[in-house]
């Protein structure tokens, strides 16, 4: 099993939105960064654990857990001319953009804020906390995942 941090703006798609979807599952569409796409395409597997991070909010932080629910597959928004994620250069026979579905896991008793994470010594090397990191999907170690889960339990 691998561990991931996936960021979403809560006014666009929140953990509660995921919880309220049919089957508590939703495609993680609209990723348009090659490195984040490669994580989904090449490394994510069904059952991998996800830290669900609310970004672009005050305060930002991890609010709960999800899991990778499907194998990677082509992101249909890339082919939909009405979608803000449309990519005219993406070929259905050789898709440029990939997604996985994520399934709701649980909501933390308390958010683990970005500020709190930066203060945790056990997260000193966490990729998502490194200066200049702006990726919406990053790998997380098991120890980092467990430390954040403990902090979220309150």
C-alpha atoms as a PDB file:
ATOM      1  CA  UNK A   1       0.000   0.000   0.000  1.00  0.00           C
ATOM      2  CA  UNK A   2       1.117   3.527  -0.804  1.00  0.00           C
ATOM      3  CA  UNK A   3       0.094   6.786   0.809  1.00  0.00           C
ATOM      4  CA  UNK A   4      -0.839  10.047  -0.906  1.00  0.00           C
ATOM      5  CA  UNK A   5      -1.834  13.616  -0.190  1.00  0.00           C
ATOM      6  CA  UNK A   6      -4.419  14.983  -2.612  1.00  0.00           C
ATOM      7  CA  UNK A   7      -5.370  18.667  -2.580  1.00  0.00           C
ATOM      8  CA  UNK A   8      -8.719  20.150  -3.473  1.00  0.00           C
ATOM      9  CA  UNK A   9     -10.230  23.569  -2.917  1.00  0.00           C
ATOM     10  CA  UNK A  10     -13.251  22.970  -0.664  1.00  0.00           C
ATOM     11  CA  UNK A  11     -15.429  25.428  -2.607  1.00  0.00           C
ATOM     12  CA  UNK A  12     -14.734  23.343  -5.741  1.00  0.00           C
ATOM     13  CA  UNK A  13     -14.802  19.825  -4.239  1.00  0.00           C
ATOM     14  CA  UNK A  14     -14.636  19.084  -0.515  1.00  0.00           C
ATOM     15  CA  UNK A  15     -14.355  15.956   1.579  1.00  0.00           C
ATOM     16  CA  UNK A  16     -18.037  16.417   2.459  1.00  0.00           C
ATOM     17  CA  UNK A  17     -18.830  16.521  -1.266  1.00  0.00           C
ATOM     18  CA  UNK A  18     -17.070  13.171  -1.633  1.00  0.00           C
ATOM     19  CA  UNK A  19     -18.915  11.770   1.383  1.00  0.00           C
ATOM     20  CA  UNK A  20     -22.242  12.795  -0.179  1.00  0.00           C
ATOM     21  CA  UNK A  21     -21.615  11.347  -3.658  1.00  0.00           C
ATOM     22  CA  UNK A  22     -23.374   8.129  -4.667  1.00  0.00           C
ATOM     23  CA  UNK A  23     -21.269   5.293  -3.302  1.00  0.00           C
ATOM     24  CA  UNK A  24     -19.106   7.982  -1.658  1.00  0.00           C
ATOM     25  CA  UNK A  25     -16.900   7.828  -4.741  1.00  0.00           C
ATOM     26  CA  UNK A  26     -15.893  10.349  -7.404  1.00  0.00           C
ATOM     27  CA  UNK A  27     -13.392  10.659 -10.286  1.00  0.00           C
ATOM     28  CA  UNK A  28     -10.410  12.888  -9.384  1.00  0.00           C
ATOM     29  CA  UNK A  29     -10.600  14.778 -12.656  1.00  0.00           C
ATOM     30  CA  UNK A  30      -9.011  17.928 -13.984  1.00  0.00           C
ATOM     31  CA  UNK A  31      -5.401  17.218 -13.034  1.00  0.00           C
ATOM     32  CA  UNK A  32      -3.294  19.060 -15.601  1.00  0.00           C
ATOM     33  CA  UNK A  33       0.201  18.667 -14.218  1.00  0.00           C
ATOM     34  CA  UNK A  34       2.361  15.941 -15.727  1.00  0.00           C
ATOM     35  CA  UNK A  35       4.066  14.932 -12.477  1.00  0.00           C
ATOM     36  CA  UNK A  36       0.736  14.613 -10.618  1.00  0.00           C
ATOM     37  CA  UNK A  37      -0.691  12.726 -13.614  1.00  0.00           C
ATOM     38  CA  UNK A  38       2.275  10.361 -13.552  1.00  0.00           C
ATOM     39  CA  UNK A  39       1.659   9.583  -9.885  1.00  0.00           C
ATOM     40  CA  UNK A  40      -1.910   8.558 -10.744  1.00  0.00           C
ATOM     41  CA  UNK A  41      -0.955   6.711 -13.917  1.00  0.00           C
ATOM     42  CA  UNK A  42       2.201   4.937 -12.774  1.00  0.00           C
ATOM     43  CA  UNK A  43       2.099   4.566  -9.009  1.00  0.00           C
ATOM     44  CA  UNK A  44      -1.411   4.678  -7.550  1.00  0.00           C
ATOM     45  CA  UNK A  45      -3.134   1.397  -6.880  1.00  0.00           C
ATOM     46  CA  UNK A  46      -6.596   0.469  -5.701  1.00  0.00           C
ATOM     47  CA  UNK A  47      -6.667   0.588  -1.908  1.00  0.00           C
ATOM     48  CA  UNK A  48      -3.917   3.187  -1.519  1.00  0.00           C
ATOM     49  CA  UNK A  49      -4.648   5.609   1.329  1.00  0.00           C
ATOM     50  CA  UNK A  50      -5.239   9.311   0.695  1.00  0.00           C
ATOM     51  CA  UNK A  51      -4.917  12.311   2.996  1.00  0.00           C
ATOM     52  CA  UNK A  52      -7.602  14.748   1.814  1.00  0.00           C
ATOM     53  CA  UNK A  53      -6.214  18.297   1.942  1.00  0.00           C
ATOM     54  CA  UNK A  54      -8.366  21.417   1.662  1.00  0.00           C
ATOM     55  CA  UNK A  55      -6.293  24.090  -0.101  1.00  0.00           C
ATOM     56  CA  UNK A  56      -6.901  27.756  -0.852  1.00  0.00           C
ATOM     57  CA  UNK A  57      -8.912  28.198   2.337  1.00  0.00           C
ATOM     58  CA  UNK A  58      -8.177  29.686   5.727  1.00  0.00           C
ATOM     59  CA  UNK A  59      -6.666  27.713   7.266  1.00  0.00           C
ATOM     60  CA  UNK A  60      -5.605  25.076   4.739  1.00  0.00           C
ATOM     61  CA  UNK A  61      -5.107  21.558   6.021  1.00  0.00           C
ATOM     62  CA  UNK A  62      -5.924  17.880   6.011  1.00  0.00           C
ATOM     63  CA  UNK A  63      -9.524  17.185   6.933  1.00  0.00           C
ATOM     64  CA  UNK A  64      -9.806  13.426   6.539  1.00  0.00           C
ATOM     65  CA  UNK A  65      -9.110  10.271   4.612  1.00  0.00           C
ATOM     66  CA  UNK A  66     -10.047   8.722   1.306  1.00  0.00           C
ATOM     67  CA  UNK A  67      -8.747   5.812  -0.725  1.00  0.00           C
ATOM     68  CA  UNK A  68      -7.919   5.104  -4.339  1.00  0.00           C
ATOM     69  CA  UNK A  69     -10.972   3.243  -5.620  1.00  0.00           C
ATOM     70  CA  UNK A  70     -10.110   2.437  -9.259  1.00  0.00           C
ATOM     71  CA  UNK A  71      -7.241   1.742 -11.572  1.00  0.00           C
ATOM     72  CA  UNK A  72      -6.190   4.809 -13.588  1.00  0.00           C
ATOM     73  CA  UNK A  73      -8.188   5.596 -16.710  1.00  0.00           C
ATOM     74  CA  UNK A  74      -8.466   8.448 -19.244  1.00  0.00           C
ATOM     75  CA  UNK A  75      -9.902  11.692 -17.870  1.00  0.00           C
ATOM     76  CA  UNK A  76     -13.070  12.298 -19.933  1.00  0.00           C
ATOM     77  CA  UNK A  77     -13.007  16.037 -19.195  1.00  0.00           C
ATOM     78  CA  UNK A  78     -10.014  16.322 -21.526  1.00  0.00           C
ATOM     79  CA  UNK A  79     -12.280  15.409 -24.468  1.00  0.00           C
ATOM     80  CA  UNK A  80     -15.312  17.499 -23.449  1.00  0.00           C
ATOM     81  CA  UNK A  81     -15.214  20.839 -25.264  1.00  0.00           C
ATOM     82  CA  UNK A  82     -17.592  22.300 -22.660  1.00  0.00           C
ATOM     83  CA  UNK A  83     -15.303  21.403 -19.753  1.00  0.00           C
ATOM     84  CA  UNK A  84     -12.834  23.890 -18.310  1.00  0.00           C
ATOM     85  CA  UNK A  85     -10.371  20.967 -18.381  1.00  0.00           C
ATOM     86  CA  UNK A  86     -10.763  20.389 -22.140  1.00  0.00           C
ATOM     87  CA  UNK A  87      -7.475  19.739 -23.950  1.00  0.00           C
ATOM     88  CA  UNK A  88      -7.702  19.872 -27.733  1.00  0.00           C
ATOM     89  CA  UNK A  89      -4.334  18.101 -28.011  1.00  0.00           C
ATOM     90  CA  UNK A  90      -5.419  15.086 -25.973  1.00  0.00           C
ATOM     91  CA  UNK A  91      -6.082  12.083 -28.202  1.00  0.00           C
ATOM     92  CA  UNK A  92      -8.656   9.495 -27.063  1.00  0.00           C
ATOM     93  CA  UNK A  93      -6.443   6.772 -28.577  1.00  0.00           C
ATOM     94  CA  UNK A  94      -3.421   8.031 -26.635  1.00  0.00           C
ATOM     95  CA  UNK A  95      -4.844  10.104 -23.767  1.00  0.00           C
ATOM     96  CA  UNK A  96      -2.657  12.761 -22.226  1.00  0.00           C
ATOM     97  CA  UNK A  97      -4.639  13.060 -18.964  1.00  0.00           C
ATOM     98  CA  UNK A  98      -5.460  10.287 -16.518  1.00  0.00           C
ATOM     99  CA  UNK A  99      -7.519  10.032 -13.353  1.00  0.00           C
ATOM    100  CA  UNK A 100      -8.460   7.622 -10.609  1.00  0.00           C
ATOM    101  CA  UNK A 101     -11.661   7.499  -8.609  1.00  0.00           C
ATOM    102  CA  UNK A 102     -11.372   8.208  -4.907  1.00  0.00           C
ATOM    103  CA  UNK A 103     -13.677   6.874  -2.192  1.00  0.00           C
ATOM    104  CA  UNK A 104     -14.510   8.606   1.080  1.00  0.00           C
ATOM    105  CA  UNK A 105     -12.846   7.132   4.137  1.00  0.00           C
ATOM    106  CA  UNK A 106     -13.432   9.288   7.206  1.00  0.00           C
ATOM    107  CA  UNK A 107     -13.448  12.830   8.505  1.00  0.00           C
ATOM    108  CA  UNK A 108     -10.906  13.792  11.135  1.00  0.00           C
ATOM    109  CA  UNK A 109     -12.123  14.957  14.545  1.00  0.00           C
ATOM    110  CA  UNK A 110     -10.035  18.062  13.903  1.00  0.00           C
ATOM    111  CA  UNK A 111      -8.329  19.506  10.844  1.00  0.00           C
ATOM    112  CA  UNK A 112      -4.551  19.127  10.758  1.00  0.00           C
ATOM    113  CA  UNK A 113      -3.668  22.600   9.543  1.00  0.00           C
ATOM    114  CA  UNK A 114      -0.717  23.429   7.356  1.00  0.00           C
ATOM    115  CA  UNK A 115       0.709  25.430  10.261  1.00  0.00           C
ATOM    116  CA  UNK A 116       0.366  22.425  12.591  1.00  0.00           C
ATOM    117  CA  UNK A 117       2.018  20.124  10.057  1.00  0.00           C
ATOM    118  CA  UNK A 118       4.966  22.502   9.661  1.00  0.00           C
ATOM    119  CA  UNK A 119       5.433  22.395  13.450  1.00  0.00           C
ATOM    120  CA  UNK A 120       5.536  18.575  13.596  1.00  0.00           C
ATOM    121  CA  UNK A 121       9.179  17.347  13.652  1.00  0.00           C
ATOM    122  CA  UNK A 122       8.152  14.001  12.151  1.00  0.00           C
ATOM    123  CA  UNK A 123       6.981  15.850   9.015  1.00  0.00           C
ATOM    124  CA  UNK A 124      10.200  17.814   8.461  1.00  0.00           C
ATOM    125  CA  UNK A 125      10.942  15.942   5.211  1.00  0.00           C
ATOM    126  CA  UNK A 126       7.351  15.671   3.965  1.00  0.00           C
ATOM    127  CA  UNK A 127       7.338  16.475   0.263  1.00  0.00           C
ATOM    128  CA  UNK A 128       4.122  18.511   0.325  1.00  0.00           C
ATOM    129  CA  UNK A 129       5.645  20.834   2.943  1.00  0.00           C
ATOM    130  CA  UNK A 130       8.833  21.585   1.033  1.00  0.00           C
ATOM    131  CA  UNK A 131       9.360  25.129  -0.172  1.00  0.00           C
ATOM    132  CA  UNK A 132       8.059  25.662  -3.691  1.00  0.00           C
ATOM    133  CA  UNK A 133       5.963  22.484  -3.819  1.00  0.00           C
ATOM    134  CA  UNK A 134       2.659  23.227  -5.520  1.00  0.00           C
ATOM    135  CA  UNK A 135       1.658  19.748  -6.702  1.00  0.00           C
ATOM    136  CA  UNK A 136      -1.938  18.715  -6.095  1.00  0.00           C
ATOM    137  CA  UNK A 137      -0.885  15.085  -5.555  1.00  0.00           C
ATOM    138  CA  UNK A 138       2.214  14.026  -3.638  1.00  0.00           C
ATOM    139  CA  UNK A 139       3.429  10.777  -2.117  1.00  0.00           C
ATOM    140  CA  UNK A 140       3.517  10.501   1.663  1.00  0.00           C
ATOM    141  CA  UNK A 141       5.501   8.025   3.759  1.00  0.00           C
ATOM    142  CA  UNK A 142       3.733   5.612   6.079  1.00  0.00           C
ATOM    143  CA  UNK A 143       5.253   7.386   9.104  1.00  0.00           C
ATOM    144  CA  UNK A 144       4.025  10.788   7.835  1.00  0.00           C
ATOM    145  CA  UNK A 145       0.582   9.363   7.148  1.00  0.00           C
ATOM    146  CA  UNK A 146       0.350   7.846  10.625  1.00  0.00           C
ATOM    147  CA  UNK A 147       1.558  11.062  12.334  1.00  0.00           C
ATOM    148  CA  UNK A 148      -1.107  13.098  10.531  1.00  0.00           C
ATOM    149  CA  UNK A 149      -3.809  10.561  11.378  1.00  0.00           C
ATOM    150  CA  UNK A 150      -2.872  10.742  15.057  1.00  0.00           C
ATOM    151  CA  UNK A 151      -3.008  14.539  14.954  1.00  0.00           C
ATOM    152  CA  UNK A 152      -6.401  14.450  13.237  1.00  0.00           C
ATOM    153  CA  UNK A 153      -7.882  12.152  15.877  1.00  0.00           C
ATOM    154  CA  UNK A 154      -7.543  14.987  18.383  1.00  0.00           C
END
